[in-house]
Amino acid sequence: MLVRIVRMTFQPDKIDDFLAIFNSTKDKIRGFAGCQHLELLQDSGNTAVFITYSHWTDSNALENYRNSALFQATWATTKALFADKPVAFSNYLVTKL
């Protein structure tokens, strides 16, 4: 399983816009082939920082999603709201505690 973590910092006046985008697409993303889990976290010290935390069957599944029309449309509208460059990490799960 591949764990994908994306940290995004938004313009403070665009947070509600981002939440609307996320809420309108989260079920489609969760239903995308290979997506096993998706959640949204908000930084406890900076409310303009959000993290998506997702599980994918493997790197091919994530890449298929990233090449999809769903991702392209979602990312295009989301990135216009950023206050800073996003940071993403992909990690294979080695063991569960």
PDB file of N, CA and C in Angstrom:
ATOM      1  N   MET A   1       0.842  -1.176   0.000  1.00  0.00           N
ATOM      2  CA  MET A   1       0.000   0.000   0.000  1.00  0.00           C
ATOM      3  C   MET A   1       0.891   1.244   0.000  1.00  0.00           C
ATOM      4  N   LEU A   2       0.469   2.222  -0.781  1.00  0.00           N
ATOM      5  CA  LEU A   2       1.163   3.499  -0.877  1.00  0.00           C
ATOM      6  C   LEU A   2       0.388   4.543  -0.080  1.00  0.00           C
ATOM      7  N   VAL A   3       1.075   5.267   0.775  1.00  0.00           N
ATOM      8  CA  VAL A   3       0.476   6.350   1.550  1.00  0.00           C
ATOM      9  C   VAL A   3       0.925   7.665   0.930  1.00  0.00           C
ATOM     10  N   ARG A   4      -0.031   8.496   0.588  1.00  0.00           N
ATOM     11  CA  ARG A   4       0.254   9.796  -0.045  1.00  0.00           C
ATOM     12  C   ARG A   4      -0.154  10.901   0.928  1.00  0.00           C
ATOM     13  N   ILE A   5       0.776  11.806   1.191  1.00  0.00           N
ATOM     14  CA  ILE A   5       0.546  12.933   2.079  1.00  0.00           C
ATOM     15  C   ILE A   5       0.847  14.199   1.292  1.00  0.00           C
ATOM     16  N   VAL A   6      -0.125  15.111   1.235  1.00  0.00           N
ATOM     17  CA  VAL A   6       0.064  16.372   0.519  1.00  0.00           C
ATOM     18  C   VAL A   6      -0.276  17.510   1.481  1.00  0.00           C
ATOM     19  N   ARG A   7       0.718  18.372   1.728  1.00  0.00           N
ATOM     20  CA  ARG A   7       0.545  19.531   2.613  1.00  0.00           C
ATOM     21  C   ARG A   7       0.326  20.767   1.754  1.00  0.00           C
ATOM     22  N   MET A   8      -0.783  21.463   2.000  1.00  0.00           N
ATOM     23  CA  MET A   8      -1.149  22.618   1.183  1.00  0.00           C
ATOM     24  C   MET A   8      -1.432  23.816   2.089  1.00  0.00           C
ATOM     25  N   THR A   9      -0.893  24.967   1.708  1.00  0.00           N
ATOM     26  CA  THR A   9      -1.142  26.202   2.435  1.00  0.00           C
ATOM     27  C   THR A   9      -1.986  27.106   1.547  1.00  0.00           C
ATOM     28  N   PHE A  10      -3.118  27.537   2.079  1.00  0.00           N
ATOM     29  CA  PHE A  10      -4.058  28.331   1.302  1.00  0.00           C
ATOM     30  C   PHE A  10      -4.063  29.795   1.724  1.00  0.00           C
ATOM     31  N   GLN A  11      -4.466  30.629   0.796  1.00  0.00           N
ATOM     32  CA  GLN A  11      -4.733  32.012   1.133  1.00  0.00           C
ATOM     33  C   GLN A  11      -5.878  31.988   2.142  1.00  0.00           C
ATOM     34  N   PRO A  12      -5.753  32.705   3.248  1.00  0.00           N
ATOM     35  CA  PRO A  12      -6.792  32.618   4.290  1.00  0.00           C
ATOM     36  C   PRO A  12      -8.205  32.886   3.781  1.00  0.00           C
ATOM     37  N   ASP A  13      -8.357  33.794   2.846  1.00  0.00           N
ATOM     38  CA  ASP A  13      -9.699  34.101   2.347  1.00  0.00           C
ATOM     39  C   ASP A  13     -10.196  33.083   1.321  1.00  0.00           C
ATOM     40  N   LYS A  14      -9.390  32.051   1.033  1.00  0.00           N
ATOM     41  CA  LYS A  14      -9.767  31.014   0.059  1.00  0.00           C
ATOM     42  C   LYS A  14     -10.029  29.655   0.704  1.00  0.00           C
ATOM     43  N   ILE A  15      -9.951  29.596   2.027  1.00  0.00           N
ATOM     44  CA  ILE A  15     -10.144  28.321   2.733  1.00  0.00           C
ATOM     45  C   ILE A  15     -11.526  27.745   2.461  1.00  0.00           C
ATOM     46  N   ASP A  16     -12.552  28.566   2.550  1.00  0.00           N
ATOM     47  CA  ASP A  16     -13.908  28.063   2.298  1.00  0.00           C
ATOM     48  C   ASP A  16     -14.058  27.555   0.869  1.00  0.00           C
ATOM     49  N   ASP A  17     -13.390  28.212  -0.086  1.00  0.00           N
ATOM     50  CA  ASP A  17     -13.417  27.743  -1.476  1.00  0.00           C
ATOM     51  C   ASP A  17     -12.781  26.361  -1.583  1.00  0.00           C
ATOM     52  N   PHE A  18     -11.643  26.175  -0.912  1.00  0.00           N
ATOM     53  CA  PHE A  18     -10.992  24.871  -0.947  1.00  0.00           C
ATOM     54  C   PHE A  18     -11.880  23.804  -0.317  1.00  0.00           C
ATOM     55  N   LEU A  19     -12.473  24.109   0.836  1.00  0.00           N
ATOM     56  CA  LEU A  19     -13.326  23.121   1.494  1.00  0.00           C
ATOM     57  C   LEU A  19     -14.514  22.741   0.618  1.00  0.00           C
ATOM     58  N   ALA A  20     -15.043  23.686  -0.121  1.00  0.00           N
ATOM     59  CA  ALA A  20     -16.142  23.383  -1.047  1.00  0.00           C
ATOM     60  C   ALA A  20     -15.670  22.444  -2.148  1.00  0.00           C
ATOM     61  N   ILE A  21     -14.480  22.685  -2.682  1.00  0.00           N
ATOM     62  CA  ILE A  21     -13.908  21.805  -3.717  1.00  0.00           C
ATOM     63  C   ILE A  21     -13.706  20.403  -3.146  1.00  0.00           C
ATOM     64  N   PHE A  22     -13.082  20.330  -1.966  1.00  0.00           N
ATOM     65  CA  PHE A  22     -12.814  19.022  -1.363  1.00  0.00           C
ATOM     66  C   PHE A  22     -14.115  18.268  -1.102  1.00  0.00           C
ATOM     67  N   ASN A  23     -15.084  18.944  -0.520  1.00  0.00           N
ATOM     68  CA  ASN A  23     -16.348  18.278  -0.188  1.00  0.00           C
ATOM     69  C   ASN A  23     -17.120  17.823  -1.425  1.00  0.00           C
ATOM     70  N   SER A  24     -16.944  18.526  -2.528  1.00  0.00           N
ATOM     71  CA  SER A  24     -17.656  18.124  -3.749  1.00  0.00           C
ATOM     72  C   SER A  24     -16.939  17.010  -4.518  1.00  0.00           C
ATOM     73  N   THR A  25     -15.677  16.749  -4.207  1.00  0.00           N
ATOM     74  CA  THR A  25     -14.917  15.726  -4.943  1.00  0.00           C
ATOM     75  C   THR A  25     -14.479  14.536  -4.095  1.00  0.00           C
ATOM     76  N   LYS A  26     -14.574  14.628  -2.788  1.00  0.00           N
ATOM     77  CA  LYS A  26     -14.013  13.578  -1.926  1.00  0.00           C
ATOM     78  C   LYS A  26     -14.600  12.195  -2.214  1.00  0.00           C
ATOM     79  N   ASP A  27     -15.890  12.114  -2.461  1.00  0.00           N
ATOM     80  CA  ASP A  27     -16.488  10.800  -2.724  1.00  0.00           C
ATOM     81  C   ASP A  27     -16.034  10.235  -4.073  1.00  0.00           C
ATOM     82  N   LYS A  28     -15.827  11.109  -5.049  1.00  0.00           N
ATOM     83  CA  LYS A  28     -15.320  10.659  -6.355  1.00  0.00           C
ATOM     84  C   LYS A  28     -13.885  10.153  -6.223  1.00  0.00           C
ATOM     85  N   ILE A  29     -13.089  10.856  -5.433  1.00  0.00           N
ATOM     86  CA  ILE A  29     -11.699  10.425  -5.222  1.00  0.00           C
ATOM     87  C   ILE A  29     -11.693   9.096  -4.474  1.00  0.00           C
ATOM     88  N   ARG A  30     -12.481   8.999  -3.417  1.00  0.00           N
ATOM     89  CA  ARG A  30     -12.553   7.750  -2.643  1.00  0.00           C
ATOM     90  C   ARG A  30     -13.023   6.576  -3.498  1.00  0.00           C
ATOM     91  N   GLY A  31     -13.835   6.864  -4.510  1.00  0.00           N
ATOM     92  CA  GLY A  31     -14.341   5.820  -5.391  1.00  0.00           C
ATOM     93  C   GLY A  31     -13.447   5.515  -6.574  1.00  0.00           C
ATOM     94  N   PHE A  32     -12.348   6.264  -6.705  1.00  0.00           N
ATOM     95  CA  PHE A  32     -11.439   6.050  -7.823  1.00  0.00           C
ATOM     96  C   PHE A  32     -10.721   4.718  -7.641  1.00  0.00           C
ATOM     97  N   ALA A  33     -10.542   3.991  -8.727  1.00  0.00           N
ATOM     98  CA  ALA A  33      -9.879   2.680  -8.673  1.00  0.00           C
ATOM     99  C   ALA A  33      -8.521   2.792  -7.986  1.00  0.00           C
ATOM    100  N   GLY A  34      -8.334   2.002  -6.949  1.00  0.00           N
ATOM    101  CA  GLY A  34      -7.062   1.964  -6.241  1.00  0.00           C
ATOM    102  C   GLY A  34      -7.013   2.828  -4.998  1.00  0.00           C
ATOM    103  N   CYS A  35      -7.964   3.738  -4.816  1.00  0.00           N
ATOM    104  CA  CYS A  35      -7.999   4.559  -3.603  1.00  0.00           C
ATOM    105  C   CYS A  35      -8.665   3.754  -2.495  1.00  0.00           C
ATOM    106  N   GLN A  36      -7.949   3.579  -1.402  1.00  0.00           N
ATOM    107  CA  GLN A  36      -8.462   2.797  -0.289  1.00  0.00           C
ATOM    108  C   GLN A  36      -8.879   3.659   0.902  1.00  0.00           C
ATOM    109  N   HIS A  37      -8.407   4.912   0.919  1.00  0.00           N
ATOM    110  CA  HIS A  37      -8.686   5.785   2.065  1.00  0.00           C
ATOM    111  C   HIS A  37      -8.337   7.208   1.680  1.00  0.00           C
ATOM    112  N   LEU A  38      -9.136   8.163   2.155  1.00  0.00           N
ATOM    113  CA  LEU A  38      -8.853   9.585   1.958  1.00  0.00           C
ATOM    114  C   LEU A  38      -9.398  10.349   3.139  1.00  0.00           C
ATOM    115  N   GLU A  39      -8.558  11.196   3.723  1.00  0.00           N
ATOM    116  CA  GLU A  39      -9.036  12.086   4.770  1.00  0.00           C
ATOM    117  C   GLU A  39      -8.341  13.431   4.644  1.00  0.00           C
ATOM    118  N   LEU A  40      -8.961  14.442   5.248  1.00  0.00           N
ATOM    119  CA  LEU A  40      -8.432  15.796   5.227  1.00  0.00           C
ATOM    120  C   LEU A  40      -8.146  16.221   6.659  1.00  0.00           C
ATOM    121  N   LEU A  41      -6.940  16.736   6.869  1.00  0.00           N
ATOM    122  CA  LEU A  41      -6.514  17.217   8.181  1.00  0.00           C
ATOM    123  C   LEU A  41      -6.245  18.716   8.094  1.00  0.00           C
ATOM    124  N   GLN A  42      -6.440  19.412   9.207  1.00  0.00           N
ATOM    125  CA  GLN A  42      -6.126  20.837   9.275  1.00  0.00           C
ATOM    126  C   GLN A  42      -5.097  21.038  10.375  1.00  0.00           C
ATOM    127  N   ASP A  43      -4.065  21.817  10.078  1.00  0.00           N
ATOM    128  CA  ASP A  43      -2.993  22.078  11.032  1.00  0.00           C
ATOM    129  C   ASP A  43      -3.552  22.747  12.295  1.00  0.00           C
ATOM    130  N   SER A  44      -3.112  22.292  13.448  1.00  0.00           N
ATOM    131  CA  SER A  44      -3.618  22.841  14.710  1.00  0.00           C
ATOM    132  C   SER A  44      -3.068  24.229  15.017  1.00  0.00           C
ATOM    133  N   GLY A  45      -1.942  24.591  14.401  1.00  0.00           N
ATOM    134  CA  GLY A  45      -1.331  25.889  14.676  1.00  0.00           C
ATOM    135  C   GLY A  45      -1.534  26.912  13.578  1.00  0.00           C
ATOM    136  N   ASN A  46      -1.931  26.458  12.392  1.00  0.00           N
ATOM    137  CA  ASN A  46      -2.125  27.365  11.260  1.00  0.00           C
ATOM    138  C   ASN A  46      -3.321  26.861  10.467  1.00  0.00           C
ATOM    139  N   THR A  47      -4.454  27.509  10.627  1.00  0.00           N
ATOM    140  CA  THR A  47      -5.694  27.028  10.020  1.00  0.00           C
ATOM    141  C   THR A  47      -5.718  27.149   8.504  1.00  0.00           C
ATOM    142  N   ALA A  48      -4.702  27.776   7.918  1.00  0.00           N
ATOM    143  CA  ALA A  48      -4.615  27.867   6.460  1.00  0.00           C
ATOM    144  C   ALA A  48      -3.887  26.665   5.858  1.00  0.00           C
ATOM    145  N   VAL A  49      -3.384  25.781   6.713  1.00  0.00           N
ATOM    146  CA  VAL A  49      -2.637  24.604   6.253  1.00  0.00           C
ATOM    147  C   VAL A  49      -3.510  23.361   6.393  1.00  0.00           C
ATOM    148  N   PHE A  50      -3.631  22.641   5.280  1.00  0.00           N
ATOM    149  CA  PHE A  50      -4.393  21.390   5.234  1.00  0.00           C
ATOM    150  C   PHE A  50      -3.500  20.288   4.693  1.00  0.00           C
ATOM    151  N   ILE A  51      -3.817  19.071   5.086  1.00  0.00           N
ATOM    152  CA  ILE A  51      -3.081  17.902   4.617  1.00  0.00           C
ATOM    153  C   ILE A  51      -4.081  16.866   4.140  1.00  0.00           C
ATOM    154  N   THR A  52      -3.881  16.380   2.921  1.00  0.00           N
ATOM    155  CA  THR A  52      -4.651  15.217   2.496  1.00  0.00           C
ATOM    156  C   THR A  52      -3.796  13.992   2.786  1.00  0.00           C
ATOM    157  N   TYR A  53      -4.438  12.982   3.311  1.00  0.00           N
ATOM    158  CA  TYR A  53      -3.795  11.734   3.684  1.00  0.00           C
ATOM    159  C   TYR A  53      -4.579  10.630   2.993  1.00  0.00           C
ATOM    160  N   SER A  54      -3.935   9.942   2.069  1.00  0.00           N
ATOM    161  CA  SER A  54      -4.650   8.927   1.296  1.00  0.00           C
ATOM    162  C   SER A  54      -3.833   7.642   1.182  1.00  0.00           C
ATOM    163  N   HIS A  55      -4.560   6.538   0.996  1.00  0.00           N
ATOM    164  CA  HIS A  55      -3.948   5.222   0.794  1.00  0.00           C
ATOM    165  C   HIS A  55      -4.313   4.756  -0.609  1.00  0.00           C
ATOM    166  N   TRP A  56      -3.332   4.215  -1.314  1.00  0.00           N
ATOM    167  CA  TRP A  56      -3.512   3.705  -2.671  1.00  0.00           C
ATOM    168  C   TRP A  56      -2.957   2.292  -2.727  1.00  0.00           C
ATOM    169  N   THR A  57      -3.537   1.472  -3.574  1.00  0.00           N
ATOM    170  CA  THR A  57      -3.076   0.089  -3.659  1.00  0.00           C
ATOM    171  C   THR A  57      -1.601   0.017  -4.035  1.00  0.00           C
ATOM    172  N   ASP A  58      -1.167   0.913  -4.922  1.00  0.00           N
ATOM    173  CA  ASP A  58       0.239   0.957  -5.331  1.00  0.00           C
ATOM    174  C   ASP A  58       0.494   2.262  -6.094  1.00  0.00           C
ATOM    175  N   SER A  59       1.715   2.469  -6.520  1.00  0.00           N
ATOM    176  CA  SER A  59       2.078   3.716  -7.212  1.00  0.00           C
ATOM    177  C   SER A  59       1.368   3.849  -8.555  1.00  0.00           C
ATOM    178  N   ASN A  60       1.055   2.728  -9.210  1.00  0.00           N
ATOM    179  CA  ASN A  60       0.324   2.796 -10.479  1.00  0.00           C
ATOM    180  C   ASN A  60      -1.083   3.348 -10.284  1.00  0.00           C
ATOM    181  N   ALA A  61      -1.727   2.951  -9.215  1.00  0.00           N
ATOM    182  CA  ALA A  61      -3.074   3.460  -8.931  1.00  0.00           C
ATOM    183  C   ALA A  61      -3.041   4.963  -8.693  1.00  0.00           C
ATOM    184  N   LEU A  62      -2.064   5.417  -7.925  1.00  0.00           N
ATOM    185  CA  LEU A  62      -1.932   6.861  -7.688  1.00  0.00           C
ATOM    186  C   LEU A  62      -1.633   7.590  -8.991  1.00  0.00           C
ATOM    187  N   GLU A  63      -0.769   7.039  -9.787  1.00  0.00           N
ATOM    188  CA  GLU A  63      -0.419   7.682 -11.063  1.00  0.00           C
ATOM    189  C   GLU A  63      -1.623   7.723 -12.005  1.00  0.00           C
ATOM    190  N   ASN A  64      -2.411   6.668 -12.026  1.00  0.00           N
ATOM    191  CA  ASN A  64      -3.632   6.672 -12.843  1.00  0.00           C
ATOM    192  C   ASN A  64      -4.576   7.781 -12.393  1.00  0.00           C
ATOM    193  N   TYR A  65      -4.707   7.958 -11.083  1.00  0.00           N
ATOM    194  CA  TYR A  65      -5.541   9.041 -10.561  1.00  0.00           C
ATOM    195  C   TYR A  65      -4.957  10.403 -10.970  1.00  0.00           C
ATOM    196  N   ARG A  66      -3.653  10.567 -10.816  1.00  0.00           N
ATOM    197  CA  ARG A  66      -3.019  11.851 -11.135  1.00  0.00           C
ATOM    198  C   ARG A  66      -3.120  12.189 -12.624  1.00  0.00           C
ATOM    199  N   ASN A  67      -3.295  11.200 -13.465  1.00  0.00           N
ATOM    200  CA  ASN A  67      -3.459  11.424 -14.908  1.00  0.00           C
ATOM    201  C   ASN A  67      -4.926  11.517 -15.333  1.00  0.00           C
ATOM    202  N   SER A  68      -5.833  11.409 -14.376  1.00  0.00           N
ATOM    203  CA  SER A  68      -7.261  11.397 -14.693  1.00  0.00           C
ATOM    204  C   SER A  68      -7.820  12.806 -14.872  1.00  0.00           C
ATOM    205  N   ALA A  69      -8.945  12.870 -15.555  1.00  0.00           N
ATOM    206  CA  ALA A  69      -9.650  14.151 -15.721  1.00  0.00           C
ATOM    207  C   ALA A  69     -10.115  14.681 -14.361  1.00  0.00           C
ATOM    208  N   LEU A  70     -10.495  13.775 -13.456  1.00  0.00           N
ATOM    209  CA  LEU A  70     -10.922  14.188 -12.121  1.00  0.00           C
ATOM    210  C   LEU A  70      -9.805  14.949 -11.409  1.00  0.00           C
ATOM    211  N   PHE A  71      -8.607  14.380 -11.393  1.00  0.00           N
ATOM    212  CA  PHE A  71      -7.488  15.053 -10.731  1.00  0.00           C
ATOM    213  C   PHE A  71      -7.147  16.362 -11.436  1.00  0.00           C
ATOM    214  N   GLN A  72      -7.067  16.328 -12.742  1.00  0.00           N
ATOM    215  CA  GLN A  72      -6.677  17.530 -13.494  1.00  0.00           C
ATOM    216  C   GLN A  72      -7.615  18.696 -13.195  1.00  0.00           C
ATOM    217  N   ALA A  73      -8.912  18.437 -13.192  1.00  0.00           N
ATOM    218  CA  ALA A  73      -9.884  19.502 -12.923  1.00  0.00           C
ATOM    219  C   ALA A  73      -9.812  19.964 -11.468  1.00  0.00           C
ATOM    220  N   THR A  74      -9.711  19.007 -10.556  1.00  0.00           N
ATOM    221  CA  THR A  74      -9.661  19.344  -9.132  1.00  0.00           C
ATOM    222  C   THR A  74      -8.398  20.127  -8.800  1.00  0.00           C
ATOM    223  N   TRP A  75      -7.268  19.665  -9.301  1.00  0.00           N
ATOM    224  CA  TRP A  75      -5.997  20.309  -8.994  1.00  0.00           C
ATOM    225  C   TRP A  75      -5.927  21.706  -9.606  1.00  0.00           C
ATOM    226  N   ALA A  76      -6.450  21.881 -10.799  1.00  0.00           N
ATOM    227  CA  ALA A  76      -6.421  23.196 -11.458  1.00  0.00           C
ATOM    228  C   ALA A  76      -7.158  24.238 -10.620  1.00  0.00           C
ATOM    229  N   THR A  77      -8.307  23.876 -10.080  1.00  0.00           N
ATOM    230  CA  THR A  77      -9.059  24.841  -9.271  1.00  0.00           C
ATOM    231  C   THR A  77      -8.453  25.011  -7.880  1.00  0.00           C
ATOM    232  N   THR A  78      -7.890  23.929  -7.342  1.00  0.00           N
ATOM    233  CA  THR A  78      -7.295  23.991  -6.005  1.00  0.00           C
ATOM    234  C   THR A  78      -6.015  24.809  -5.990  1.00  0.00           C
ATOM    235  N   LYS A  79      -5.130  24.588  -6.951  1.00  0.00           N
ATOM    236  CA  LYS A  79      -3.830  25.263  -6.906  1.00  0.00           C
ATOM    237  C   LYS A  79      -3.939  26.782  -7.066  1.00  0.00           C
ATOM    238  N   ALA A  80      -5.036  27.254  -7.634  1.00  0.00           N
ATOM    239  CA  ALA A  80      -5.247  28.698  -7.755  1.00  0.00           C
ATOM    240  C   ALA A  80      -5.475  29.352  -6.389  1.00  0.00           C
ATOM    241  N   LEU A  81      -5.739  28.541  -5.372  1.00  0.00           N
ATOM    242  CA  LEU A  81      -6.042  29.050  -4.038  1.00  0.00           C
ATOM    243  C   LEU A  81      -4.836  29.038  -3.094  1.00  0.00           C
ATOM    244  N   PHE A  82      -3.718  28.491  -3.555  1.00  0.00           N
ATOM    245  CA  PHE A  82      -2.542  28.334  -2.695  1.00  0.00           C
ATOM    246  C   PHE A  82      -1.891  29.667  -2.323  1.00  0.00           C
ATOM    247  N   ALA A  83      -1.345  29.692  -1.114  1.00  0.00           N
ATOM    248  CA  ALA A  83      -0.515  30.813  -0.665  1.00  0.00           C
ATOM    249  C   ALA A  83       0.958  30.433  -0.738  1.00  0.00           C
ATOM    250  N   ASP A  84       1.230  29.132  -0.874  1.00  0.00           N
ATOM    251  CA  ASP A  84       2.599  28.619  -0.918  1.00  0.00           C
ATOM    252  C   ASP A  84       2.594  27.325  -1.721  1.00  0.00           C
ATOM    253  N   LYS A  85       3.767  26.925  -2.149  1.00  0.00           N
ATOM    254  CA  LYS A  85       3.906  25.698  -2.930  1.00  0.00           C
ATOM    255  C   LYS A  85       3.554  24.481  -2.067  1.00  0.00           C
ATOM    256  N   PRO A  86       2.752  23.549  -2.608  1.00  0.00           N
ATOM    257  CA  PRO A  86       2.418  22.341  -1.836  1.00  0.00           C
ATOM    258  C   PRO A  86       3.635  21.414  -1.725  1.00  0.00           C
ATOM    259  N   VAL A  87       3.588  20.565  -0.714  1.00  0.00           N
ATOM    260  CA  VAL A  87       4.644  19.580  -0.487  1.00  0.00           C
ATOM    261  C   VAL A  87       3.970  18.218  -0.431  1.00  0.00           C
ATOM    262  N   ALA A  88       4.473  17.271  -1.228  1.00  0.00           N
ATOM    263  CA  ALA A  88       3.860  15.942  -1.290  1.00  0.00           C
ATOM    264  C   ALA A  88       4.891  14.854  -1.008  1.00  0.00           C
ATOM    265  N   PHE A  89       4.409  13.808  -0.363  1.00  0.00           N
ATOM    266  CA  PHE A  89       5.236  12.650  -0.048  1.00  0.00           C
ATOM    267  C   PHE A  89       4.467  11.384  -0.393  1.00  0.00           C
ATOM    268  N   SER A  90       5.146  10.421  -0.987  1.00  0.00           N
ATOM    269  CA  SER A  90       4.586   9.099  -1.233  1.00  0.00           C
ATOM    270  C   SER A  90       5.458   8.096  -0.501  1.00  0.00           C
ATOM    271  N   ASN A  91       4.832   7.252   0.298  1.00  0.00           N
ATOM    272  CA  ASN A  91       5.566   6.294   1.120  1.00  0.00           C
ATOM    273  C   ASN A  91       4.868   4.946   1.078  1.00  0.00           C
ATOM    274  N   TYR A  92       5.639   3.877   0.994  1.00  0.00           N
ATOM    275  CA  TYR A  92       5.049   2.558   1.108  1.00  0.00           C
ATOM    276  C   TYR A  92       4.908   2.198   2.574  1.00  0.00           C
ATOM    277  N   LEU A  93       3.772   1.660   2.946  1.00  0.00           N
ATOM    278  CA  LEU A  93       3.549   1.218   4.313  1.00  0.00           C
ATOM    279  C   LEU A  93       4.350  -0.060   4.542  1.00  0.00           C
ATOM    280  N   VAL A  94       5.193  -0.035   5.534  1.00  0.00           N
ATOM    281  CA  VAL A  94       6.036  -1.187   5.835  1.00  0.00           C
ATOM    282  C   VAL A  94       5.346  -2.104   6.824  1.00  0.00           C
ATOM    283  N   THR A  95       4.756  -1.519   7.837  1.00  0.00           N
ATOM    284  CA  THR A  95       4.069  -2.316   8.853  1.00  0.00           C
ATOM    285  C   THR A  95       3.007  -1.458   9.538  1.00  0.00           C
ATOM    286  N   LYS A  96       1.967  -2.114   9.998  1.00  0.00           N
ATOM    287  CA  LYS A  96       0.942  -1.441  10.813  1.00  0.00           C
ATOM    288  C   LYS A  96       1.246  -1.716  12.272  1.00  0.00           C
ATOM    289  N   LEU A  97       0.989  -0.736  13.096  1.00  0.00           N
ATOM    290  CA  LEU A  97       1.195  -0.916  14.534  1.00  0.00           C
ATOM    291  C   LEU A  97      -0.006  -1.585  15.164  1.00  0.00           C
TER     292      LEU A  97
END
